[in-house]
Amino acid sequence: MNVQTAPVLQRERDKDVAVLVLNRPAARNSLSEALLAELSAAWTDIAADRTVRAVVLAANGPAFSAGHDLKELTARRTDADRGRAYFTKIMTMCSAMMQQIVNLPQPVIAAVQGTASAAGCQLVASCDLAIASTAAKFATPGVDIGLFCSTPMVALSRNVARKHAMEMLLTGDMVAAEDAARIGLINRVAAAGNERKEALALAQQIASKSSHTVKIGKEGFYRQAEMGLADAYAYVSQVMVENLLSADAEEGICAFIEKREPTWEDR
């Protein structure tokens, strides 16, 4: 008798919005090798799909994601190299997958229903926007088990101020959703059970814009953030010029002047 295994990542669609759902609830949606591979493949597919204009990343079960699958990692300590090669493989896979989110043409909105810890917190921080339930909590608790959250630190420190990031990293304490919004880790807090609905509504709002313009804006945002002030202004000035010459900017400006709704060509 064949037993069907539930997919570790569910792919859904809501009009122009792709919805990805972490589906390892019994393992608190920990980022196993299989789940990392599925996420990476999904980002690759979405990047090439011009019909997708925004993405919502959600999760099933009581936790959004507990981070890396520590049981899977620990099982490789019996390897001849004590797991070094496998640990390197997983950290490289995870880092590459997180960067895929940043490099994706479409904005990604996390809908966080429960705890997001360690690499799970990193996943939320890597998304462009995040809406969390009042029941959601966030933490980088690696320091409590002797494994500093060094890779989550990259995304976390690019979202919140240094002292807030350091406090999370050094204490491992849980941060409530309201405090996560206050320090800039998430955008807003929704009533429990409404976080995915609100994330979808926000995604649909963004999907109504020119996808060409949104792509330009997302790429420009992250690139200029890593530059010095003068270089950033020089770069985005050229981005603005190219954007002004696009069909959608011409249409959007004309529509604004003529007081009508624009018709996007997405180019």
C-alpha atoms as a PDB file:
ATOM      1  CA  MET A   1       0.000   0.000   0.000  1.00  0.00           C
ATOM      2  CA  ASN A   2       1.449   3.369  -1.079  1.00  0.00           C
ATOM      3  CA  VAL A   3       1.429   6.058   1.586  1.00  0.00           C
ATOM      4  CA  GLN A   4       1.404   9.564   0.155  1.00  0.00           C
ATOM      5  CA  THR A   5       3.729  11.931   1.930  1.00  0.00           C
ATOM      6  CA  ALA A   6       2.490  15.489   2.325  1.00  0.00           C
ATOM      7  CA  PRO A   7       4.649  18.024   0.477  1.00  0.00           C
ATOM      8  CA  VAL A   8       6.989  19.941   2.765  1.00  0.00           C
ATOM      9  CA  LEU A   9       6.084  23.093   0.818  1.00  0.00           C
ATOM     10  CA  GLN A  10       2.616  23.791  -0.544  1.00  0.00           C
ATOM     11  CA  ARG A  11       2.258  26.022  -3.590  1.00  0.00           C
ATOM     12  CA  GLU A  12      -0.995  27.891  -4.046  1.00  0.00           C
ATOM     13  CA  ARG A  13      -2.266  30.775  -6.156  1.00  0.00           C
ATOM     14  CA  ASP A  14      -4.591  33.692  -5.372  1.00  0.00           C
ATOM     15  CA  LYS A  15      -5.090  35.624  -8.627  1.00  0.00           C
ATOM     16  CA  ASP A  16      -1.758  37.367  -9.352  1.00  0.00           C
ATOM     17  CA  VAL A  17      -0.266  36.315  -6.001  1.00  0.00           C
ATOM     18  CA  ALA A  18       1.712  33.117  -5.423  1.00  0.00           C
ATOM     19  CA  VAL A  19       1.295  31.630  -1.943  1.00  0.00           C
ATOM     20  CA  LEU A  20       3.972  29.362  -0.501  1.00  0.00           C
ATOM     21  CA  VAL A  21       3.124  27.495   2.699  1.00  0.00           C
ATOM     22  CA  LEU A  22       5.715  25.757   4.900  1.00  0.00           C
ATOM     23  CA  ASN A  23       4.189  22.369   5.645  1.00  0.00           C
ATOM     24  CA  ARG A  24       6.197  20.539   8.292  1.00  0.00           C
ATOM     25  CA  PRO A  25       3.936  21.375  11.256  1.00  0.00           C
ATOM     26  CA  ALA A  26       4.974  18.344  13.313  1.00  0.00           C
ATOM     27  CA  ALA A  27       8.599  19.513  13.042  1.00  0.00           C
ATOM     28  CA  ARG A  28       7.655  23.139  13.687  1.00  0.00           C
ATOM     29  CA  ASN A  29       8.419  23.861  10.031  1.00  0.00           C
ATOM     30  CA  SER A  30      12.141  23.492  10.635  1.00  0.00           C
ATOM     31  CA  LEU A  31      14.204  24.120   7.523  1.00  0.00           C
ATOM     32  CA  SER A  32      15.265  20.613   6.567  1.00  0.00           C
ATOM     33  CA  GLU A  33      17.413  19.977   3.517  1.00  0.00           C
ATOM     34  CA  ALA A  34      14.270  18.979   1.604  1.00  0.00           C
ATOM     35  CA  LEU A  35      12.396  22.136   2.579  1.00  0.00           C
ATOM     36  CA  LEU A  36      15.352  24.348   1.681  1.00  0.00           C
ATOM     37  CA  ALA A  37      15.514  22.665  -1.731  1.00  0.00           C
ATOM     38  CA  GLU A  38      11.772  23.116  -2.293  1.00  0.00           C
ATOM     39  CA  LEU A  39      11.912  26.786  -1.326  1.00  0.00           C
ATOM     40  CA  SER A  40      14.855  27.378  -3.643  1.00  0.00           C
ATOM     41  CA  ALA A  41      13.065  25.665  -6.525  1.00  0.00           C
ATOM     42  CA  ALA A  42       9.910  27.685  -5.855  1.00  0.00           C
ATOM     43  CA  TRP A  43      11.802  31.004  -5.931  1.00  0.00           C
ATOM     44  CA  THR A  44      13.443  29.978  -9.213  1.00  0.00           C
ATOM     45  CA  ASP A  45      10.059  29.157 -10.760  1.00  0.00           C
ATOM     46  CA  ILE A  46       8.409  32.337  -9.483  1.00  0.00           C
ATOM     47  CA  ALA A  47      11.251  34.550 -10.710  1.00  0.00           C
ATOM     48  CA  ALA A  48      10.611  33.298 -14.255  1.00  0.00           C
ATOM     49  CA  ASP A  49       6.804  33.565 -14.045  1.00  0.00           C
ATOM     50  CA  ARG A  50       5.633  36.977 -15.256  1.00  0.00           C
ATOM     51  CA  THR A  51       2.055  36.205 -14.206  1.00  0.00           C
ATOM     52  CA  VAL A  52       3.132  36.304 -10.528  1.00  0.00           C
ATOM     53  CA  ARG A  53       3.173  39.876  -9.261  1.00  0.00           C
ATOM     54  CA  ALA A  54       3.682  39.275  -5.525  1.00  0.00           C
ATOM     55  CA  VAL A  55       4.265  36.385  -3.125  1.00  0.00           C
ATOM     56  CA  VAL A  56       2.943  35.501   0.326  1.00  0.00           C
ATOM     57  CA  LEU A  57       5.035  33.130   2.460  1.00  0.00           C
ATOM     58  CA  ALA A  58       2.992  31.445   5.185  1.00  0.00           C
ATOM     59  CA  ALA A  59       3.133  28.315   7.336  1.00  0.00           C
ATOM     60  CA  ASN A  60       0.880  25.582   8.687  1.00  0.00           C
ATOM     61  CA  GLY A  61       0.760  24.619  12.348  1.00  0.00           C
ATOM     62  CA  PRO A  62       1.536  26.417  15.605  1.00  0.00           C
ATOM     63  CA  ALA A  63       5.016  27.631  14.572  1.00  0.00           C
ATOM     64  CA  PHE A  64       6.087  29.642  11.543  1.00  0.00           C
ATOM     65  CA  SER A  65       9.544  28.056  11.585  1.00  0.00           C
ATOM     66  CA  ALA A  66      11.881  26.849  14.310  1.00  0.00           C
ATOM     67  CA  GLY A  67      14.939  27.364  12.101  1.00  0.00           C
ATOM     68  CA  HIS A  68      17.340  24.651  11.001  1.00  0.00           C
ATOM     69  CA  ASP A  69      16.424  21.013  11.577  1.00  0.00           C
ATOM     70  CA  LEU A  70      18.807  20.300  14.455  1.00  0.00           C
ATOM     71  CA  LYS A  71      18.006  16.571  14.481  1.00  0.00           C
ATOM     72  CA  GLU A  72      18.965  16.327  10.819  1.00  0.00           C
ATOM     73  CA  LEU A  73      22.211  18.206  11.472  1.00  0.00           C
ATOM     74  CA  THR A  74      23.084  16.228  14.616  1.00  0.00           C
ATOM     75  CA  ALA A  75      22.644  12.931  12.774  1.00  0.00           C
ATOM     76  CA  ARG A  76      25.658  13.818  10.619  1.00  0.00           C
ATOM     77  CA  ARG A  77      28.071  14.160  13.548  1.00  0.00           C
ATOM     78  CA  THR A  78      28.894  10.486  13.008  1.00  0.00           C
ATOM     79  CA  ASP A  79      30.320  11.284   9.556  1.00  0.00           C
ATOM     80  CA  ALA A  80      34.086  10.897   9.190  1.00  0.00           C
ATOM     81  CA  ASP A  81      34.503  14.678   9.216  1.00  0.00           C
ATOM     82  CA  ARG A  82      32.070  15.099  12.173  1.00  0.00           C
ATOM     83  CA  GLY A  83      29.565  16.657   9.779  1.00  0.00           C
ATOM     84  CA  ARG A  84      31.704  19.493   8.449  1.00  0.00           C
ATOM     85  CA  ALA A  85      30.896  18.884   4.768  1.00  0.00           C
ATOM     86  CA  TYR A  86      27.177  18.465   5.434  1.00  0.00           C
ATOM     87  CA  PHE A  87      26.997  21.505   7.722  1.00  0.00           C
ATOM     88  CA  THR A  88      28.740  23.549   5.027  1.00  0.00           C
ATOM     89  CA  LYS A  89      26.297  22.282   2.404  1.00  0.00           C
ATOM     90  CA  ILE A  90      23.231  23.207   4.492  1.00  0.00           C
ATOM     91  CA  MET A  91      24.498  26.661   5.480  1.00  0.00           C
ATOM     92  CA  THR A  92      25.397  27.392   1.858  1.00  0.00           C
ATOM     93  CA  MET A  93      21.976  26.180   0.672  1.00  0.00           C
ATOM     94  CA  CYS A  94      20.175  28.263   3.268  1.00  0.00           C
ATOM     95  CA  SER A  95      22.188  31.421   2.605  1.00  0.00           C
ATOM     96  CA  ALA A  96      21.610  31.082  -1.147  1.00  0.00           C
ATOM     97  CA  MET A  97      17.870  30.554  -0.631  1.00  0.00           C
ATOM     98  CA  MET A  98      17.579  33.647   1.580  1.00  0.00           C
ATOM     99  CA  GLN A  99      19.357  35.698  -1.086  1.00  0.00           C
ATOM    100  CA  GLN A 100      16.924  34.407  -3.698  1.00  0.00           C
ATOM    101  CA  ILE A 101      14.149  36.187  -1.802  1.00  0.00           C
ATOM    102  CA  VAL A 102      16.025  39.481  -1.875  1.00  0.00           C
ATOM    103  CA  ASN A 103      16.894  39.038  -5.559  1.00  0.00           C
ATOM    104  CA  LEU A 104      13.395  37.954  -6.578  1.00  0.00           C
ATOM    105  CA  PRO A 105      11.723  40.474  -8.954  1.00  0.00           C
ATOM    106  CA  GLN A 106       8.457  40.187  -7.023  1.00  0.00           C
ATOM    107  CA  PRO A 107       7.958  41.416  -3.441  1.00  0.00           C
ATOM    108  CA  VAL A 108       7.600  38.696  -0.806  1.00  0.00           C
ATOM    109  CA  ILE A 109       5.347  39.176   2.226  1.00  0.00           C
ATOM    110  CA  ALA A 110       5.684  36.880   5.242  1.00  0.00           C
ATOM    111  CA  ALA A 111       2.462  35.969   7.041  1.00  0.00           C
ATOM    112  CA  VAL A 112       3.641  34.863  10.479  1.00  0.00           C
ATOM    113  CA  GLN A 113       1.129  32.969  12.597  1.00  0.00           C
ATOM    114  CA  GLY A 114       3.413  31.606  15.314  1.00  0.00           C
ATOM    115  CA  THR A 115       6.975  31.527  16.566  1.00  0.00           C
ATOM    116  CA  ALA A 116       9.773  32.332  14.119  1.00  0.00           C
ATOM    117  CA  SER A 117      13.115  31.511  15.669  1.00  0.00           C
ATOM    118  CA  ALA A 118      16.744  31.287  14.519  1.00  0.00           C
ATOM    119  CA  ALA A 119      16.743  30.669  10.742  1.00  0.00           C
ATOM    120  CA  GLY A 120      12.955  31.007  10.890  1.00  0.00           C
ATOM    121  CA  CYS A 121      13.422  34.570  12.124  1.00  0.00           C
ATOM    122  CA  GLN A 122      16.027  34.984   9.380  1.00  0.00           C
ATOM    123  CA  LEU A 123      13.406  33.881   6.846  1.00  0.00           C
ATOM    124  CA  VAL A 124      10.980  36.568   8.037  1.00  0.00           C
ATOM    125  CA  ALA A 125      13.723  39.209   8.019  1.00  0.00           C
ATOM    126  CA  SER A 126      14.702  38.209   4.475  1.00  0.00           C
ATOM    127  CA  CYS A 127      11.190  38.873   3.176  1.00  0.00           C
ATOM    128  CA  ASP A 128      10.456  42.364   1.872  1.00  0.00           C
ATOM    129  CA  LEU A 129       7.451  42.834   4.164  1.00  0.00           C
ATOM    130  CA  ALA A 130       5.953  40.915   7.084  1.00  0.00           C
ATOM    131  CA  ILE A 131       2.601  40.787   8.839  1.00  0.00           C
ATOM    132  CA  ALA A 132       2.388  38.836  12.079  1.00  0.00           C
ATOM    133  CA  SER A 133      -0.360  37.542  14.309  1.00  0.00           C
ATOM    134  CA  THR A 134      -0.665  38.876  17.833  1.00  0.00           C
ATOM    135  CA  ALA A 135       0.355  35.328  18.830  1.00  0.00           C
ATOM    136  CA  ALA A 136       3.603  35.451  16.861  1.00  0.00           C
ATOM    137  CA  LYS A 137       6.990  35.668  18.564  1.00  0.00           C
ATOM    138  CA  PHE A 138      10.502  36.103  17.237  1.00  0.00           C
ATOM    139  CA  ALA A 139      13.880  35.017  18.557  1.00  0.00           C
ATOM    140  CA  THR A 140      17.471  34.256  17.631  1.00  0.00           C
ATOM    141  CA  PRO A 141      18.127  31.846  20.526  1.00  0.00           C
ATOM    142  CA  GLY A 142      21.189  30.021  19.232  1.00  0.00           C
ATOM    143  CA  VAL A 143      23.305  31.498  22.019  1.00  0.00           C
ATOM    144  CA  ASP A 144      21.279  29.383  24.487  1.00  0.00           C
ATOM    145  CA  ILE A 145      22.480  26.124  22.912  1.00  0.00           C
ATOM    146  CA  GLY A 146      26.048  27.171  22.142  1.00  0.00           C
ATOM    147  CA  LEU A 147      25.367  27.973  18.483  1.00  0.00           C
ATOM    148  CA  PHE A 148      25.348  31.729  17.858  1.00  0.00           C
ATOM    149  CA  CYS A 149      22.801  32.776  15.226  1.00  0.00           C
ATOM    150  CA  SER A 150      25.477  34.057  12.866  1.00  0.00           C
ATOM    151  CA  THR A 151      23.633  33.514   9.579  1.00  0.00           C
ATOM    152  CA  PRO A 152      20.295  34.851  10.906  1.00  0.00           C
ATOM    153  CA  MET A 153      22.296  37.864  12.114  1.00  0.00           C
ATOM    154  CA  VAL A 154      22.862  38.976   8.501  1.00  0.00           C
ATOM    155  CA  ALA A 155      19.165  39.462   7.700  1.00  0.00           C
ATOM    156  CA  LEU A 156      18.283  40.613  11.225  1.00  0.00           C
ATOM    157  CA  SER A 157      20.940  43.344  11.317  1.00  0.00           C
ATOM    158  CA  ARG A 158      19.712  44.649   7.952  1.00  0.00           C
ATOM    159  CA  ASN A 159      16.185  45.079   9.321  1.00  0.00           C
ATOM    160  CA  VAL A 160      16.514  46.439  12.845  1.00  0.00           C
ATOM    161  CA  ALA A 161      18.876  48.857  14.571  1.00  0.00           C
ATOM    162  CA  ARG A 162      22.164  47.381  15.797  1.00  0.00           C
ATOM    163  CA  LYS A 163      21.386  47.504  19.508  1.00  0.00           C
ATOM    164  CA  HIS A 164      18.031  45.770  19.006  1.00  0.00           C
ATOM    165  CA  ALA A 165      19.701  43.122  16.842  1.00  0.00           C
ATOM    166  CA  MET A 166      22.493  42.589  19.361  1.00  0.00           C
ATOM    167  CA  GLU A 167      20.041  42.248  22.232  1.00  0.00           C
ATOM    168  CA  MET A 168      18.124  39.541  20.373  1.00  0.00           C
ATOM    169  CA  LEU A 169      21.348  37.753  19.415  1.00  0.00           C
ATOM    170  CA  LEU A 170      23.025  37.954  22.833  1.00  0.00           C
ATOM    171  CA  THR A 171      20.022  37.109  25.019  1.00  0.00           C
ATOM    172  CA  GLY A 172      18.036  34.743  22.811  1.00  0.00           C
ATOM    173  CA  ASP A 173      14.883  36.234  24.339  1.00  0.00           C
ATOM    174  CA  MET A 174      11.518  35.985  22.589  1.00  0.00           C
ATOM    175  CA  VAL A 175      10.220  39.248  21.121  1.00  0.00           C
ATOM    176  CA  ALA A 176       6.445  39.710  21.007  1.00  0.00           C
ATOM    177  CA  ALA A 177       4.795  40.723  17.754  1.00  0.00           C
ATOM    178  CA  GLU A 178       4.095  44.265  18.962  1.00  0.00           C
ATOM    179  CA  ASP A 179       7.755  44.765  19.882  1.00  0.00           C
ATOM    180  CA  ALA A 180       8.850  43.212  16.575  1.00  0.00           C
ATOM    181  CA  ALA A 181       6.783  45.882  14.811  1.00  0.00           C
ATOM    182  CA  ARG A 182       8.233  48.605  17.030  1.00  0.00           C
ATOM    183  CA  ILE A 183      11.826  47.690  16.173  1.00  0.00           C
ATOM    184  CA  GLY A 184      11.114  47.229  12.468  1.00  0.00           C
ATOM    185  CA  LEU A 185      11.374  43.448  12.118  1.00  0.00           C
ATOM    186  CA  ILE A 186       7.790  43.283  10.845  1.00  0.00           C
ATOM    187  CA  ASN A 187       5.445  45.860   9.319  1.00  0.00           C
ATOM    188  CA  ARG A 188       2.292  45.352  11.316  1.00  0.00           C
ATOM    189  CA  VAL A 189       0.398  43.102  13.700  1.00  0.00           C
ATOM    190  CA  ALA A 190      -2.900  41.435  12.787  1.00  0.00           C
ATOM    191  CA  ALA A 191      -5.530  39.774  14.909  1.00  0.00           C
ATOM    192  CA  ALA A 192      -4.750  36.093  15.411  1.00  0.00           C
ATOM    193  CA  GLY A 193      -5.978  34.137  12.412  1.00  0.00           C
ATOM    194  CA  ASN A 194      -6.108  37.203  10.149  1.00  0.00           C
ATOM    195  CA  GLU A 195      -2.399  37.497   9.332  1.00  0.00           C
ATOM    196  CA  ARG A 196      -2.576  35.538   6.072  1.00  0.00           C
ATOM    197  CA  LYS A 197      -5.692  37.410   4.942  1.00  0.00           C
ATOM    198  CA  GLU A 198      -4.007  40.760   5.611  1.00  0.00           C
ATOM    199  CA  ALA A 199      -0.811  39.637   3.889  1.00  0.00           C
ATOM    200  CA  LEU A 200      -2.830  38.594   0.832  1.00  0.00           C
ATOM    201  CA  ALA A 201      -4.644  41.940   0.799  1.00  0.00           C
ATOM    202  CA  LEU A 202      -1.320  43.766   0.904  1.00  0.00           C
ATOM    203  CA  ALA A 203       0.048  41.491  -1.830  1.00  0.00           C
ATOM    204  CA  GLN A 204      -2.978  42.188  -4.032  1.00  0.00           C
ATOM    205  CA  GLN A 205      -2.498  45.937  -3.497  1.00  0.00           C
ATOM    206  CA  ILE A 206       1.100  45.647  -4.676  1.00  0.00           C
ATOM    207  CA  ALA A 207       0.038  43.357  -7.544  1.00  0.00           C
ATOM    208  CA  SER A 208      -2.140  46.176  -8.907  1.00  0.00           C
ATOM    209  CA  LYS A 209       0.986  48.241  -9.636  1.00  0.00           C
ATOM    210  CA  SER A 210       3.229  47.966 -12.687  1.00  0.00           C
ATOM    211  CA  SER A 211       5.314  44.823 -12.166  1.00  0.00           C
ATOM    212  CA  HIS A 212       8.132  46.435 -14.165  1.00  0.00           C
ATOM    213  CA  THR A 213       8.192  49.431 -11.839  1.00  0.00           C
ATOM    214  CA  VAL A 214       8.010  47.273  -8.715  1.00  0.00           C
ATOM    215  CA  LYS A 215      10.919  45.152  -9.977  1.00  0.00           C
ATOM    216  CA  ILE A 216      13.016  48.282 -10.594  1.00  0.00           C
ATOM    217  CA  GLY A 217      12.151  49.635  -7.163  1.00  0.00           C
ATOM    218  CA  LYS A 218      12.894  46.437  -5.235  1.00  0.00           C
ATOM    219  CA  GLU A 219      16.243  45.916  -6.925  1.00  0.00           C
ATOM    220  CA  GLY A 220      17.195  49.564  -6.447  1.00  0.00           C
ATOM    221  CA  PHE A 221      16.218  49.555  -2.793  1.00  0.00           C
ATOM    222  CA  TYR A 222      18.572  46.741  -1.850  1.00  0.00           C
ATOM    223  CA  ARG A 223      21.442  47.852  -4.061  1.00  0.00           C
ATOM    224  CA  GLN A 224      21.511  51.454  -2.831  1.00  0.00           C
ATOM    225  CA  ALA A 225      21.231  50.337   0.796  1.00  0.00           C
ATOM    226  CA  GLU A 226      24.701  48.785   0.557  1.00  0.00           C
ATOM    227  CA  MET A 227      26.307  51.921  -0.979  1.00  0.00           C
ATOM    228  CA  GLY A 228      27.751  55.117   0.412  1.00  0.00           C
ATOM    229  CA  LEU A 229      25.580  58.236   0.139  1.00  0.00           C
ATOM    230  CA  ALA A 230      27.151  59.743  -2.995  1.00  0.00           C
ATOM    231  CA  ASP A 231      27.281  56.392  -4.808  1.00  0.00           C
ATOM    232  CA  ALA A 232      23.678  55.665  -3.844  1.00  0.00           C
ATOM    233  CA  TYR A 233      22.442  58.964  -5.281  1.00  0.00           C
ATOM    234  CA  ALA A 234      24.486  58.488  -8.463  1.00  0.00           C
ATOM    235  CA  TYR A 235      23.088  54.991  -8.907  1.00  0.00           C
ATOM    236  CA  VAL A 236      19.420  55.783  -8.235  1.00  0.00           C
ATOM    237  CA  SER A 237      19.563  58.905 -10.416  1.00  0.00           C
ATOM    238  CA  GLN A 238      20.369  56.660 -13.371  1.00  0.00           C
ATOM    239  CA  VAL A 239      17.681  54.212 -12.256  1.00  0.00           C
ATOM    240  CA  MET A 240      15.161  57.081 -12.273  1.00  0.00           C
ATOM    241  CA  VAL A 241      16.189  58.129 -15.787  1.00  0.00           C
ATOM    242  CA  GLU A 242      15.749  54.604 -17.152  1.00  0.00           C
ATOM    243  CA  ASN A 243      12.474  54.263 -15.269  1.00  0.00           C
ATOM    244  CA  LEU A 244      11.189  57.558 -16.740  1.00  0.00           C
ATOM    245  CA  LEU A 245      11.856  56.198 -20.216  1.00  0.00           C
ATOM    246  CA  SER A 246       9.804  53.037 -19.614  1.00  0.00           C
ATOM    247  CA  ALA A 247       6.349  52.575 -21.135  1.00  0.00           C
ATOM    248  CA  ASP A 248       4.667  52.215 -17.738  1.00  0.00           C
ATOM    249  CA  ALA A 249       6.129  55.460 -16.377  1.00  0.00           C
ATOM    250  CA  GLU A 250       4.928  57.291 -19.472  1.00  0.00           C
ATOM    251  CA  GLU A 251       1.476  55.740 -19.120  1.00  0.00           C
ATOM    252  CA  GLY A 252       1.307  56.290 -15.358  1.00  0.00           C
ATOM    253  CA  ILE A 253       2.280  59.947 -15.547  1.00  0.00           C
ATOM    254  CA  CYS A 254      -0.182  60.593 -18.392  1.00  0.00           C
ATOM    255  CA  ALA A 255      -2.942  58.819 -16.458  1.00  0.00           C
ATOM    256  CA  PHE A 256      -2.190  60.951 -13.383  1.00  0.00           C
ATOM    257  CA  ILE A 257      -2.331  64.174 -15.416  1.00  0.00           C
ATOM    258  CA  GLU A 258      -5.498  63.061 -17.202  1.00  0.00           C
ATOM    259  CA  LYS A 259      -7.087  61.883 -13.929  1.00  0.00           C
ATOM    260  CA  ARG A 260      -7.750  58.292 -15.062  1.00  0.00           C
ATOM    261  CA  GLU A 261      -6.618  54.810 -14.067  1.00  0.00           C
ATOM    262  CA  PRO A 262      -3.423  53.640 -15.792  1.00  0.00           C
ATOM    263  CA  THR A 263      -3.250  50.575 -18.011  1.00  0.00           C
ATOM    264  CA  TRP A 264       0.039  48.821 -17.339  1.00  0.00           C
ATOM    265  CA  GLU A 265       2.101  47.130 -20.028  1.00  0.00           C
ATOM    266  CA  ASP A 266       4.573  45.867 -17.414  1.00  0.00           C
ATOM    267  CA  ARG A 267       7.540  47.206 -19.345  1.00  0.00           C
END
